[in-house]
């Protein structure tokens, strides 16, 4: 759409890296006819490792399920890599692009004791049933990027409230109709995040959820 017109205003949603993809010149000053709302910030990936270690402190190795062929997949893994040494864990990337390869990777990593799983944003969403089932089958504590993973049986999820950017985008469209230019409307990141914990899954994995973590949860699934 951005290549097709330089005049018609475009408000995007759920974009992971608008500057890196060339949609805008900068977050603060988009500079053209395109602006909108990011799906998440890369720094979120570090929070996943922090929460997983808080819930399962004995973890020494963490598998990271990601799309290794995309910039977002590479960016998320880079943030988790930076957080790994302080949390004293080794990382093992698993390619999420191919379902069969993904299943083999999860099964292989699960043979190592004290291993957990981080599921990043990307193609993983369309295979969430398969991923949640594999984590349960192999007894892997896993953290996911969106609430629907936890509601489907995943252990813990932390990520943006997915409906919020759509509501905020309507405000941008209204402002554009009233004469403001997309070039002057900054690209915005999510402002609301949701922490969900599935106690049934925690019990099945033999994990005791720390009271401090329960107190911070937006939703506890029993």
N, C-alpha and C. Protein backbone atom coordinates (compact mmCIF):
# COMPACT_ATOMS: atom_id res chain seq x y z
N UNK A 1 0.83 -1.20 0.00
CA UNK A 1 0.00 0.00 0.00
C UNK A 1 0.86 1.26 0.00
N UNK A 2 1.94 1.24 0.78
CA UNK A 2 2.82 2.40 0.85
C UNK A 2 3.52 2.64 -0.50
N UNK A 3 3.81 1.57 -1.20
CA UNK A 3 4.44 1.71 -2.52
C UNK A 3 3.45 2.22 -3.57
N UNK A 4 2.17 1.99 -3.33
CA UNK A 4 1.16 2.33 -4.32
C UNK A 4 0.79 3.81 -4.31
N UNK A 5 0.97 4.49 -3.17
CA UNK A 5 0.56 5.89 -3.10
C UNK A 5 1.44 6.66 -2.12
N UNK A 6 1.70 7.91 -2.46
CA UNK A 6 2.42 8.82 -1.56
C UNK A 6 1.48 9.90 -1.03
N UNK A 7 0.21 9.80 -1.37
CA UNK A 7 -0.75 10.85 -1.02
C UNK A 7 -1.86 10.39 -0.09
N UNK A 8 -2.38 9.20 -0.32
CA UNK A 8 -3.49 8.71 0.51
C UNK A 8 -2.95 8.35 1.89
N UNK A 9 -3.52 8.90 2.97
CA UNK A 9 -3.04 8.57 4.32
C UNK A 9 -3.26 7.08 4.64
N UNK A 10 -2.26 6.49 5.28
CA UNK A 10 -2.33 5.08 5.68
C UNK A 10 -2.04 4.99 7.18
N UNK A 11 -2.91 4.31 7.91
CA UNK A 11 -2.70 4.05 9.34
C UNK A 11 -2.56 2.54 9.51
N UNK A 12 -1.38 2.09 9.91
CA UNK A 12 -1.15 0.65 10.03
C UNK A 12 -1.34 0.17 11.46
N UNK A 13 -1.49 -1.15 11.57
CA UNK A 13 -1.63 -1.83 12.86
C UNK A 13 -0.77 -3.08 12.86
N UNK A 14 -0.33 -3.50 14.06
CA UNK A 14 0.34 -4.78 14.24
C UNK A 14 1.64 -4.90 13.45
N UNK A 15 2.28 -3.79 13.13
CA UNK A 15 3.58 -3.82 12.47
C UNK A 15 4.66 -3.96 13.53
N UNK A 16 5.65 -4.83 13.28
CA UNK A 16 6.66 -5.10 14.30
C UNK A 16 7.82 -4.11 14.23
N UNK A 17 8.29 -3.77 13.03
CA UNK A 17 9.47 -2.91 12.90
C UNK A 17 9.24 -1.90 11.78
N UNK A 18 8.46 -0.84 12.03
CA UNK A 18 8.11 0.09 10.95
C UNK A 18 9.29 0.87 10.40
N UNK A 19 10.29 1.17 11.24
CA UNK A 19 11.46 1.90 10.75
C UNK A 19 12.34 0.96 9.93
N UNK A 20 12.61 -0.23 10.46
CA UNK A 20 13.45 -1.20 9.76
C UNK A 20 12.85 -1.66 8.45
N UNK A 21 11.52 -1.71 8.38
CA UNK A 21 10.86 -2.15 7.15
C UNK A 21 10.73 -1.02 6.12
N UNK A 22 11.08 0.20 6.52
CA UNK A 22 11.05 1.32 5.60
C UNK A 22 9.70 2.00 5.47
N UNK A 23 8.75 1.68 6.34
CA UNK A 23 7.43 2.31 6.26
C UNK A 23 7.48 3.77 6.70
N UNK A 24 8.33 4.07 7.71
CA UNK A 24 8.43 5.43 8.23
C UNK A 24 9.90 5.80 8.39
N UNK A 25 10.16 7.11 8.44
CA UNK A 25 11.54 7.58 8.62
C UNK A 25 12.00 7.42 10.06
N UNK A 26 11.10 7.69 11.00
CA UNK A 26 11.41 7.53 12.42
C UNK A 26 10.11 7.37 13.18
N UNK A 27 10.21 6.90 14.42
CA UNK A 27 9.02 6.72 15.24
C UNK A 27 8.36 8.06 15.56
N UNK A 28 9.18 9.05 15.92
CA UNK A 28 8.64 10.34 16.34
C UNK A 28 8.13 11.17 15.17
N UNK A 29 8.80 11.08 14.02
CA UNK A 29 8.42 11.84 12.84
C UNK A 29 8.35 10.90 11.63
N UNK A 30 7.20 10.28 11.39
CA UNK A 30 7.09 9.31 10.29
C UNK A 30 7.51 9.88 8.94
N UNK A 31 7.19 11.15 8.69
CA UNK A 31 7.75 11.82 7.53
C UNK A 31 7.02 11.69 6.21
N UNK A 32 6.06 10.79 6.12
CA UNK A 32 5.35 10.61 4.85
C UNK A 32 3.85 10.54 5.05
N UNK A 33 3.22 9.68 4.31
CA UNK A 33 1.77 9.51 4.39
C UNK A 33 1.37 8.30 5.23
N UNK A 34 2.36 7.71 5.92
CA UNK A 34 2.11 6.48 6.67
C UNK A 34 2.46 6.68 8.15
N UNK A 35 1.59 6.23 9.03
CA UNK A 35 1.87 6.18 10.47
C UNK A 35 1.02 5.07 11.07
N UNK A 36 1.12 4.87 12.38
CA UNK A 36 0.30 3.81 12.97
C UNK A 36 0.80 3.31 14.30
N UNK A 37 0.58 2.01 14.53
CA UNK A 37 0.78 1.43 15.85
C UNK A 37 1.55 0.11 15.75
N UNK A 38 2.62 0.03 16.52
CA UNK A 38 3.46 -1.17 16.53
C UNK A 38 2.77 -2.32 17.24
N UNK A 39 3.17 -3.52 16.87
CA UNK A 39 2.64 -4.71 17.54
C UNK A 39 3.27 -4.89 18.91
N UNK A 40 4.58 -4.61 19.01
CA UNK A 40 5.28 -4.70 20.28
C UNK A 40 6.67 -4.09 20.11
N UNK A 41 7.36 -3.88 21.22
CA UNK A 41 8.74 -3.42 21.18
C UNK A 41 9.66 -4.60 21.46
N UNK A 42 10.86 -4.57 20.86
CA UNK A 42 11.79 -5.69 21.02
C UNK A 42 12.16 -5.93 22.49
N UNK A 43 12.15 -4.88 23.30
CA UNK A 43 12.52 -5.03 24.70
C UNK A 43 11.61 -6.00 25.44
N UNK A 44 10.40 -6.21 24.91
CA UNK A 44 9.47 -7.16 25.52
C UNK A 44 10.07 -8.56 25.61
N UNK A 45 10.90 -8.93 24.65
CA UNK A 45 11.48 -10.28 24.62
C UNK A 45 12.32 -10.57 25.86
N UNK A 46 12.99 -9.55 26.39
CA UNK A 46 13.76 -9.74 27.60
C UNK A 46 12.88 -10.02 28.81
N UNK A 47 11.70 -9.45 28.81
CA UNK A 47 10.76 -9.67 29.91
C UNK A 47 10.29 -11.12 29.94
N UNK A 48 10.18 -11.74 28.77
CA UNK A 48 9.75 -13.15 28.74
C UNK A 48 10.73 -14.04 29.50
N UNK A 49 12.02 -13.83 29.28
CA UNK A 49 13.03 -14.64 29.98
C UNK A 49 12.99 -14.36 31.47
N UNK A 50 12.83 -13.11 31.84
CA UNK A 50 12.77 -12.75 33.26
C UNK A 50 11.60 -13.43 33.97
N UNK A 51 10.43 -13.40 33.35
CA UNK A 51 9.24 -14.01 33.96
C UNK A 51 9.36 -15.54 34.03
N UNK A 52 9.90 -16.13 32.97
CA UNK A 52 10.05 -17.59 32.95
C UNK A 52 10.98 -18.05 34.06
N UNK A 53 12.08 -17.34 34.27
CA UNK A 53 13.01 -17.70 35.33
C UNK A 53 12.40 -17.47 36.71
N UNK A 54 11.56 -16.48 36.83
CA UNK A 54 10.90 -16.23 38.12
C UNK A 54 9.94 -17.36 38.46
N UNK A 55 9.28 -17.88 37.44
CA UNK A 55 8.33 -18.97 37.65
C UNK A 55 9.02 -20.32 37.81
N UNK A 56 10.12 -20.50 37.09
CA UNK A 56 10.86 -21.77 37.14
C UNK A 56 12.34 -21.45 37.35
N UNK A 57 12.74 -21.12 38.58
CA UNK A 57 14.11 -20.64 38.85
C UNK A 57 15.21 -21.66 38.59
N UNK A 58 14.87 -22.94 38.49
CA UNK A 58 15.89 -23.97 38.28
C UNK A 58 16.31 -24.12 36.81
N UNK A 59 15.71 -23.37 35.93
CA UNK A 59 16.04 -23.50 34.51
C UNK A 59 17.49 -23.10 34.25
N UNK A 60 18.17 -23.93 33.47
CA UNK A 60 19.54 -23.62 33.06
C UNK A 60 19.67 -23.51 31.54
N UNK A 61 18.66 -23.96 30.82
CA UNK A 61 18.66 -23.87 29.36
C UNK A 61 17.26 -23.46 28.91
N UNK A 62 17.21 -22.56 27.94
CA UNK A 62 15.92 -22.11 27.41
C UNK A 62 15.95 -22.19 25.89
N UNK A 63 14.98 -22.89 25.33
CA UNK A 63 14.81 -22.93 23.89
C UNK A 63 13.98 -21.73 23.46
N UNK A 64 14.34 -21.12 22.34
CA UNK A 64 13.63 -19.96 21.83
C UNK A 64 13.03 -20.31 20.48
N UNK A 65 11.72 -20.38 20.43
CA UNK A 65 11.02 -20.70 19.19
C UNK A 65 10.82 -19.42 18.40
N UNK A 66 11.43 -19.34 17.22
CA UNK A 66 11.41 -18.09 16.47
C UNK A 66 11.50 -18.36 14.97
N UNK A 67 11.15 -17.32 14.20
CA UNK A 67 11.31 -17.36 12.76
C UNK A 67 12.67 -16.75 12.43
N UNK A 68 13.63 -17.60 12.11
CA UNK A 68 15.00 -17.14 11.91
C UNK A 68 15.20 -16.42 10.59
N UNK A 69 14.19 -16.41 9.73
CA UNK A 69 14.34 -15.78 8.42
C UNK A 69 13.84 -14.34 8.39
N UNK A 70 13.24 -13.87 9.49
CA UNK A 70 12.68 -12.52 9.49
C UNK A 70 13.45 -11.61 10.44
N UNK A 71 13.42 -10.31 10.15
CA UNK A 71 14.07 -9.33 11.02
C UNK A 71 13.49 -9.35 12.43
N UNK A 72 12.15 -9.42 12.59
CA UNK A 72 11.60 -9.50 13.95
C UNK A 72 12.08 -10.74 14.72
N UNK A 73 12.17 -11.88 14.02
CA UNK A 73 12.66 -13.08 14.68
C UNK A 73 14.09 -12.93 15.15
N UNK A 74 14.92 -12.30 14.33
CA UNK A 74 16.32 -12.07 14.68
C UNK A 74 16.41 -11.06 15.83
N UNK A 75 15.59 -10.00 15.76
CA UNK A 75 15.63 -8.96 16.79
C UNK A 75 15.21 -9.45 18.15
N UNK A 76 14.15 -10.24 18.20
CA UNK A 76 13.69 -10.78 19.48
C UNK A 76 14.75 -11.69 20.10
N UNK A 77 15.36 -12.53 19.27
CA UNK A 77 16.38 -13.45 19.78
C UNK A 77 17.58 -12.68 20.30
N UNK A 78 17.94 -11.58 19.64
CA UNK A 78 19.09 -10.78 20.08
C UNK A 78 18.85 -10.20 21.48
N UNK A 79 17.64 -9.76 21.74
CA UNK A 79 17.32 -9.21 23.07
C UNK A 79 17.40 -10.31 24.13
N UNK A 80 16.86 -11.49 23.81
CA UNK A 80 16.90 -12.60 24.76
C UNK A 80 18.34 -13.03 25.01
N UNK A 81 19.16 -13.02 23.95
CA UNK A 81 20.59 -13.35 24.11
C UNK A 81 21.27 -12.41 25.09
N UNK A 82 20.95 -11.12 25.00
CA UNK A 82 21.56 -10.15 25.90
C UNK A 82 21.14 -10.37 27.34
N UNK A 83 19.96 -10.92 27.55
CA UNK A 83 19.45 -11.14 28.91
C UNK A 83 19.87 -12.48 29.49
N UNK A 84 20.36 -13.38 28.65
CA UNK A 84 20.67 -14.74 29.11
C UNK A 84 21.79 -14.80 30.15
N UNK A 85 22.94 -14.13 29.97
CA UNK A 85 24.02 -14.24 30.96
C UNK A 85 23.62 -13.83 32.38
N UNK A 86 22.93 -12.68 32.57
CA UNK A 86 22.53 -12.34 33.94
C UNK A 86 21.61 -13.36 34.60
N UNK A 87 20.84 -14.07 33.76
CA UNK A 87 19.92 -15.08 34.30
C UNK A 87 20.53 -16.48 34.31
N UNK A 88 21.79 -16.58 33.86
CA UNK A 88 22.55 -17.83 33.91
C UNK A 88 21.84 -18.98 33.18
N UNK A 89 21.45 -18.69 31.97
CA UNK A 89 20.84 -19.74 31.14
C UNK A 89 21.54 -19.78 29.79
N UNK A 90 21.57 -20.96 29.19
CA UNK A 90 22.04 -21.13 27.82
C UNK A 90 20.82 -21.16 26.90
N UNK A 91 20.99 -20.61 25.71
CA UNK A 91 19.88 -20.54 24.76
C UNK A 91 20.06 -21.53 23.62
N UNK A 92 18.94 -22.05 23.16
CA UNK A 92 18.93 -22.94 22.00
C UNK A 92 17.81 -22.50 21.07
N UNK A 93 18.14 -21.89 19.92
CA UNK A 93 17.08 -21.46 18.99
C UNK A 93 16.44 -22.65 18.29
N UNK A 94 15.14 -22.55 18.07
CA UNK A 94 14.39 -23.55 17.31
C UNK A 94 13.65 -22.84 16.19
N UNK A 95 13.79 -23.34 14.98
CA UNK A 95 13.16 -22.73 13.81
C UNK A 95 11.66 -23.02 13.81
N UNK A 96 10.87 -21.95 13.77
CA UNK A 96 9.42 -22.11 13.79
C UNK A 96 8.80 -22.12 12.40
N UNK A 97 9.63 -21.99 11.37
CA UNK A 97 9.10 -21.88 10.01
C UNK A 97 8.50 -23.18 9.50
N UNK A 98 9.06 -24.32 9.95
CA UNK A 98 8.60 -25.62 9.48
C UNK A 98 8.02 -26.41 10.66
N UNK A 99 6.74 -26.80 10.61
CA UNK A 99 6.11 -27.49 11.74
C UNK A 99 6.83 -28.76 12.16
N UNK A 100 7.25 -29.58 11.20
CA UNK A 100 7.92 -30.84 11.54
C UNK A 100 9.27 -30.57 12.22
N UNK A 101 10.01 -29.60 11.69
CA UNK A 101 11.29 -29.25 12.30
C UNK A 101 11.09 -28.68 13.70
N UNK A 102 10.03 -27.92 13.85
CA UNK A 102 9.72 -27.33 15.15
C UNK A 102 9.43 -28.42 16.19
N UNK A 103 8.62 -29.37 15.82
CA UNK A 103 8.28 -30.46 16.75
C UNK A 103 9.52 -31.26 17.12
N UNK A 104 10.38 -31.55 16.15
CA UNK A 104 11.61 -32.28 16.44
C UNK A 104 12.52 -31.48 17.37
N UNK A 105 12.59 -30.17 17.15
CA UNK A 105 13.43 -29.33 17.98
C UNK A 105 12.96 -29.29 19.42
N UNK A 106 11.64 -29.18 19.62
CA UNK A 106 11.09 -29.16 20.98
C UNK A 106 11.34 -30.49 21.67
N UNK A 107 11.11 -31.59 20.96
CA UNK A 107 11.34 -32.92 21.54
C UNK A 107 12.80 -33.12 21.91
N UNK A 108 13.72 -32.64 21.07
CA UNK A 108 15.15 -32.82 21.33
C UNK A 108 15.60 -32.02 22.54
N UNK A 109 15.16 -30.76 22.63
CA UNK A 109 15.61 -29.91 23.73
C UNK A 109 15.02 -30.38 25.05
N UNK A 110 13.85 -31.00 25.00
CA UNK A 110 13.20 -31.45 26.22
C UNK A 110 13.95 -32.58 26.90
N UNK A 111 14.88 -33.24 26.19
CA UNK A 111 15.65 -34.32 26.80
C UNK A 111 16.67 -33.80 27.80
N UNK A 112 16.98 -32.51 27.73
CA UNK A 112 17.91 -31.90 28.67
C UNK A 112 17.15 -31.43 29.90
N UNK A 113 17.58 -31.83 31.11
CA UNK A 113 16.87 -31.40 32.32
C UNK A 113 16.91 -29.88 32.49
N UNK A 114 15.94 -29.37 33.25
CA UNK A 114 15.88 -27.95 33.61
C UNK A 114 15.86 -27.04 32.37
N UNK A 115 15.02 -27.42 31.42
CA UNK A 115 14.89 -26.66 30.18
C UNK A 115 13.51 -26.02 30.10
N UNK A 116 13.46 -24.79 29.60
CA UNK A 116 12.20 -24.09 29.38
C UNK A 116 12.08 -23.65 27.94
N UNK A 117 10.98 -22.96 27.63
CA UNK A 117 10.70 -22.57 26.25
C UNK A 117 10.13 -21.16 26.22
N UNK A 118 10.68 -20.34 25.31
CA UNK A 118 10.11 -19.02 25.02
C UNK A 118 9.57 -19.06 23.60
N UNK A 119 8.32 -18.68 23.45
CA UNK A 119 7.69 -18.61 22.13
C UNK A 119 7.60 -17.14 21.74
N UNK A 120 8.27 -16.75 20.67
CA UNK A 120 8.31 -15.36 20.25
C UNK A 120 7.16 -15.03 19.31
N UNK A 121 7.05 -13.75 18.97
CA UNK A 121 6.01 -13.29 18.04
C UNK A 121 6.42 -13.62 16.61
N UNK A 122 5.47 -14.05 15.80
CA UNK A 122 5.76 -14.37 14.40
C UNK A 122 4.81 -15.43 13.90
N UNK A 123 5.35 -16.34 13.10
CA UNK A 123 4.52 -17.41 12.52
C UNK A 123 4.02 -18.39 13.57
N UNK A 124 4.56 -18.30 14.77
CA UNK A 124 4.17 -19.22 15.83
C UNK A 124 2.68 -19.15 16.14
N UNK A 125 2.07 -17.97 15.94
CA UNK A 125 0.66 -17.81 16.33
C UNK A 125 -0.26 -18.77 15.61
N UNK A 126 0.01 -19.07 14.34
CA UNK A 126 -0.88 -19.95 13.58
C UNK A 126 -0.71 -21.40 14.00
N UNK A 127 0.32 -21.70 14.81
CA UNK A 127 0.56 -23.08 15.24
C UNK A 127 0.47 -23.19 16.76
N UNK A 128 -0.28 -22.31 17.39
CA UNK A 128 -0.25 -22.27 18.85
C UNK A 128 -0.77 -23.56 19.49
N UNK A 129 -1.78 -24.19 18.89
CA UNK A 129 -2.28 -25.45 19.45
C UNK A 129 -1.19 -26.51 19.45
N UNK A 130 -0.46 -26.59 18.37
CA UNK A 130 0.62 -27.55 18.24
C UNK A 130 1.73 -27.26 19.26
N UNK A 131 2.06 -25.99 19.43
CA UNK A 131 3.14 -25.60 20.34
C UNK A 131 2.76 -25.86 21.79
N UNK A 132 1.56 -25.45 22.18
CA UNK A 132 1.10 -25.66 23.56
C UNK A 132 1.05 -27.15 23.87
N UNK A 133 0.56 -27.95 22.92
CA UNK A 133 0.48 -29.40 23.12
C UNK A 133 1.86 -30.01 23.25
N UNK A 134 2.82 -29.55 22.44
CA UNK A 134 4.19 -30.09 22.50
C UNK A 134 4.85 -29.75 23.83
N UNK A 135 4.65 -28.52 24.32
CA UNK A 135 5.21 -28.13 25.61
C UNK A 135 4.65 -28.99 26.74
N UNK A 136 3.34 -29.25 26.68
CA UNK A 136 2.71 -30.09 27.71
C UNK A 136 3.20 -31.53 27.62
N UNK A 137 3.31 -32.05 26.41
CA UNK A 137 3.74 -33.43 26.20
C UNK A 137 5.14 -33.67 26.76
N UNK A 138 6.02 -32.69 26.57
CA UNK A 138 7.42 -32.87 26.99
C UNK A 138 7.73 -32.21 28.34
N UNK A 139 6.69 -31.69 29.01
CA UNK A 139 6.87 -31.14 30.35
C UNK A 139 7.74 -29.90 30.40
N UNK A 140 7.62 -29.03 29.40
CA UNK A 140 8.44 -27.83 29.33
C UNK A 140 7.70 -26.61 29.88
N UNK A 141 8.23 -25.94 30.89
CA UNK A 141 7.68 -24.64 31.28
C UNK A 141 7.87 -23.67 30.11
N UNK A 142 6.81 -23.00 29.70
CA UNK A 142 6.89 -22.15 28.52
C UNK A 142 6.17 -20.84 28.74
N UNK A 143 6.71 -19.79 28.14
CA UNK A 143 6.06 -18.48 28.18
C UNK A 143 5.73 -18.06 26.75
N UNK A 144 4.58 -17.40 26.61
CA UNK A 144 4.04 -17.07 25.30
C UNK A 144 3.75 -15.57 25.20
N UNK A 145 3.63 -15.05 23.97
CA UNK A 145 3.49 -13.60 23.81
C UNK A 145 2.08 -13.03 23.95
N UNK A 146 1.06 -13.90 23.92
CA UNK A 146 -0.30 -13.38 23.96
C UNK A 146 -1.19 -14.22 24.89
N UNK A 147 -2.23 -13.59 25.41
CA UNK A 147 -3.12 -14.20 26.37
C UNK A 147 -3.75 -15.50 25.86
N UNK A 148 -4.09 -15.55 24.56
CA UNK A 148 -4.82 -16.72 24.07
C UNK A 148 -4.01 -18.00 24.18
N UNK A 149 -2.69 -17.91 24.28
CA UNK A 149 -1.89 -19.11 24.53
C UNK A 149 -2.20 -19.67 25.91
N UNK A 150 -2.24 -18.80 26.91
CA UNK A 150 -2.53 -19.25 28.28
C UNK A 150 -3.94 -19.79 28.40
N UNK A 151 -4.89 -19.13 27.75
CA UNK A 151 -6.27 -19.60 27.81
C UNK A 151 -6.44 -20.94 27.10
N UNK A 152 -5.52 -21.25 26.17
CA UNK A 152 -5.55 -22.54 25.47
C UNK A 152 -4.71 -23.61 26.17
N UNK A 153 -4.20 -23.31 27.36
CA UNK A 153 -3.46 -24.31 28.12
C UNK A 153 -2.00 -24.01 28.33
N UNK A 154 -1.49 -22.92 27.76
CA UNK A 154 -0.10 -22.53 27.98
C UNK A 154 0.14 -22.10 29.42
N UNK A 155 1.37 -22.23 29.88
CA UNK A 155 1.69 -21.95 31.28
C UNK A 155 1.52 -20.48 31.64
N UNK A 156 2.18 -19.59 30.89
CA UNK A 156 2.17 -18.17 31.23
C UNK A 156 2.31 -17.37 29.94
N UNK A 157 1.65 -16.23 29.91
CA UNK A 157 1.77 -15.35 28.75
C UNK A 157 1.95 -13.91 29.22
N UNK A 158 2.70 -13.17 28.43
CA UNK A 158 2.86 -11.74 28.72
C UNK A 158 3.02 -11.01 27.41
N UNK A 159 2.13 -10.06 27.16
CA UNK A 159 2.20 -9.32 25.91
C UNK A 159 1.16 -8.24 25.86
N UNK A 160 1.17 -7.46 24.77
CA UNK A 160 0.23 -6.35 24.66
C UNK A 160 -1.21 -6.81 24.55
N UNK A 161 -2.12 -5.95 25.01
CA UNK A 161 -3.55 -6.17 24.81
C UNK A 161 -3.84 -5.91 23.35
N UNK A 162 -4.21 -6.94 22.61
CA UNK A 162 -4.24 -6.85 21.15
C UNK A 162 -5.32 -5.93 20.60
N UNK A 163 -6.40 -5.70 21.35
CA UNK A 163 -7.47 -4.87 20.82
C UNK A 163 -7.16 -3.38 20.97
N UNK A 164 -6.28 -3.03 21.90
CA UNK A 164 -6.04 -1.62 22.21
C UNK A 164 -5.58 -0.80 21.01
N UNK A 165 -4.60 -1.26 20.20
CA UNK A 165 -4.15 -0.44 19.07
C UNK A 165 -5.27 -0.13 18.06
N UNK A 166 -6.23 -1.04 17.91
CA UNK A 166 -7.32 -0.80 16.99
C UNK A 166 -8.18 0.38 17.45
N UNK A 167 -8.39 0.46 18.75
CA UNK A 167 -9.17 1.57 19.30
C UNK A 167 -8.42 2.89 19.14
N UNK A 168 -7.11 2.86 19.38
CA UNK A 168 -6.30 4.07 19.24
C UNK A 168 -6.15 4.48 17.78
N UNK A 169 -6.13 3.51 16.88
CA UNK A 169 -6.03 3.82 15.45
C UNK A 169 -7.24 4.61 14.97
N UNK A 170 -8.40 4.31 15.53
CA UNK A 170 -9.60 5.07 15.15
C UNK A 170 -9.43 6.55 15.47
N UNK A 171 -8.74 6.83 16.57
CA UNK A 171 -8.46 8.22 16.93
C UNK A 171 -7.56 8.90 15.92
N UNK A 172 -6.56 8.15 15.41
CA UNK A 172 -5.67 8.72 14.39
C UNK A 172 -6.43 9.00 13.10
N UNK A 173 -7.29 8.09 12.71
CA UNK A 173 -8.09 8.29 11.49
C UNK A 173 -8.96 9.54 11.65
N UNK A 174 -9.55 9.73 12.81
CA UNK A 174 -10.37 10.90 13.08
C UNK A 174 -9.55 12.18 12.96
N UNK A 175 -8.34 12.15 13.52
CA UNK A 175 -7.49 13.35 13.46
C UNK A 175 -7.06 13.66 12.03
N UNK A 176 -6.81 12.62 11.24
CA UNK A 176 -6.43 12.83 9.83
C UNK A 176 -7.59 13.42 9.04
N UNK A 177 -8.81 12.92 9.28
CA UNK A 177 -9.98 13.48 8.61
C UNK A 177 -10.18 14.96 8.97
N UNK A 178 -9.70 15.35 10.16
CA UNK A 178 -9.86 16.73 10.60
C UNK A 178 -8.69 17.61 10.16
N UNK A 179 -7.76 17.03 9.36
CA UNK A 179 -6.74 17.87 8.76
C UNK A 179 -5.30 17.61 9.17
N UNK A 180 -5.05 16.78 10.18
CA UNK A 180 -3.68 16.50 10.58
C UNK A 180 -3.00 15.57 9.58
N UNK A 181 -1.68 15.66 9.50
CA UNK A 181 -0.91 14.89 8.55
C UNK A 181 -0.28 13.66 9.21
N UNK A 182 -0.31 12.50 8.56
CA UNK A 182 0.36 11.31 9.11
C UNK A 182 1.83 11.57 9.43
N UNK A 183 2.47 12.42 8.65
CA UNK A 183 3.89 12.72 8.86
C UNK A 183 4.17 13.27 10.25
N UNK A 184 3.15 13.90 10.85
CA UNK A 184 3.34 14.53 12.16
C UNK A 184 2.73 13.74 13.31
N UNK A 185 2.17 12.58 13.01
CA UNK A 185 1.57 11.73 14.05
C UNK A 185 2.55 10.60 14.37
N UNK A 186 3.15 10.59 15.56
CA UNK A 186 4.19 9.60 15.86
C UNK A 186 3.66 8.17 15.86
N UNK A 187 4.51 7.26 15.42
CA UNK A 187 4.20 5.84 15.55
C UNK A 187 4.22 5.49 17.04
N UNK A 188 3.22 4.76 17.48
CA UNK A 188 3.09 4.46 18.90
C UNK A 188 3.22 2.97 19.19
N UNK A 189 3.82 2.67 20.32
CA UNK A 189 3.93 1.30 20.81
C UNK A 189 2.76 1.00 21.74
N UNK A 190 2.51 -0.28 22.03
CA UNK A 190 1.43 -0.61 22.96
C UNK A 190 1.64 0.03 24.33
N UNK A 191 0.55 0.35 24.99
CA UNK A 191 0.63 0.93 26.33
C UNK A 191 0.02 0.02 27.40
N UNK A 192 -0.73 -0.99 26.97
CA UNK A 192 -1.35 -1.91 27.93
C UNK A 192 -0.84 -3.33 27.69
N UNK A 193 -0.41 -3.98 28.76
CA UNK A 193 0.12 -5.34 28.67
C UNK A 193 -0.65 -6.25 29.63
N UNK A 194 -0.70 -7.53 29.27
CA UNK A 194 -1.52 -8.48 30.02
C UNK A 194 -0.67 -9.68 30.43
N UNK A 195 -0.65 -9.96 31.73
CA UNK A 195 0.06 -11.12 32.28
C UNK A 195 -0.96 -12.15 32.72
N UNK A 196 -0.92 -13.33 32.10
CA UNK A 196 -1.85 -14.41 32.42
C UNK A 196 -1.08 -15.64 32.86
N UNK A 197 -1.57 -16.30 33.90
CA UNK A 197 -0.93 -17.51 34.43
C UNK A 197 -1.98 -18.61 34.52
N UNK A 198 -1.64 -19.78 33.98
CA UNK A 198 -2.53 -20.92 34.01
C UNK A 198 -2.11 -21.84 35.16
N UNK A 199 -2.85 -21.78 36.25
CA UNK A 199 -2.49 -22.56 37.44
C UNK A 199 -2.65 -24.07 37.21
N UNK A 200 -3.61 -24.46 36.39
CA UNK A 200 -3.79 -25.88 36.09
C UNK A 200 -2.55 -26.44 35.40
N UNK A 201 -2.01 -25.68 34.46
CA UNK A 201 -0.81 -26.11 33.75
C UNK A 201 0.39 -26.11 34.68
N UNK A 202 0.49 -25.09 35.54
CA UNK A 202 1.59 -25.04 36.51
C UNK A 202 1.58 -26.27 37.41
N UNK A 203 0.40 -26.66 37.86
CA UNK A 203 0.27 -27.84 38.72
C UNK A 203 0.70 -29.10 37.97
N UNK A 204 0.31 -29.22 36.70
CA UNK A 204 0.66 -30.39 35.90
C UNK A 204 2.17 -30.49 35.71
N UNK A 205 2.85 -29.34 35.70
CA UNK A 205 4.30 -29.31 35.53
C UNK A 205 5.05 -29.40 36.85
N UNK A 206 4.29 -29.44 37.96
CA UNK A 206 4.92 -29.51 39.27
C UNK A 206 5.53 -28.20 39.73
N UNK A 207 5.00 -27.09 39.23
CA UNK A 207 5.54 -25.77 39.57
C UNK A 207 4.64 -25.07 40.58
N UNK A 208 5.27 -24.39 41.53
CA UNK A 208 4.56 -23.54 42.47
C UNK A 208 4.75 -22.09 42.05
N UNK A 209 3.68 -21.41 41.73
CA UNK A 209 3.77 -20.03 41.28
C UNK A 209 4.06 -19.13 42.47
N UNK A 210 5.13 -18.35 42.43
CA UNK A 210 5.45 -17.46 43.56
C UNK A 210 4.31 -16.48 43.83
N UNK A 211 3.99 -16.23 45.09
CA UNK A 211 2.91 -15.28 45.42
C UNK A 211 3.13 -13.90 44.80
N UNK A 212 4.39 -13.47 44.71
CA UNK A 212 4.67 -12.16 44.14
C UNK A 212 4.27 -12.10 42.66
N UNK A 213 4.43 -13.22 41.96
CA UNK A 213 4.05 -13.28 40.55
C UNK A 213 2.53 -13.34 40.40
N UNK A 214 1.90 -14.10 41.26
CA UNK A 214 0.43 -14.17 41.24
C UNK A 214 -0.18 -12.80 41.49
N UNK A 215 0.43 -12.04 42.40
CA UNK A 215 -0.09 -10.73 42.75
C UNK A 215 -0.03 -9.77 41.57
N UNK A 216 0.94 -9.95 40.69
CA UNK A 216 1.11 -9.06 39.54
C UNK A 216 0.27 -9.49 38.34
N UNK A 217 -0.27 -10.69 38.38
CA UNK A 217 -0.99 -11.23 37.22
C UNK A 217 -2.29 -10.45 36.98
N UNK A 218 -2.59 -10.19 35.72
CA UNK A 218 -3.86 -9.59 35.35
C UNK A 218 -4.97 -10.64 35.31
N UNK A 219 -4.56 -11.91 35.09
CA UNK A 219 -5.53 -12.99 34.99
C UNK A 219 -4.88 -14.28 35.48
N UNK A 220 -5.61 -14.98 36.34
CA UNK A 220 -5.17 -16.29 36.83
C UNK A 220 -6.20 -17.31 36.37
N UNK A 221 -5.76 -18.25 35.55
CA UNK A 221 -6.66 -19.25 34.97
C UNK A 221 -6.61 -20.52 35.80
N UNK A 222 -7.75 -20.91 36.34
CA UNK A 222 -7.79 -22.08 37.23
C UNK A 222 -8.63 -23.21 36.63
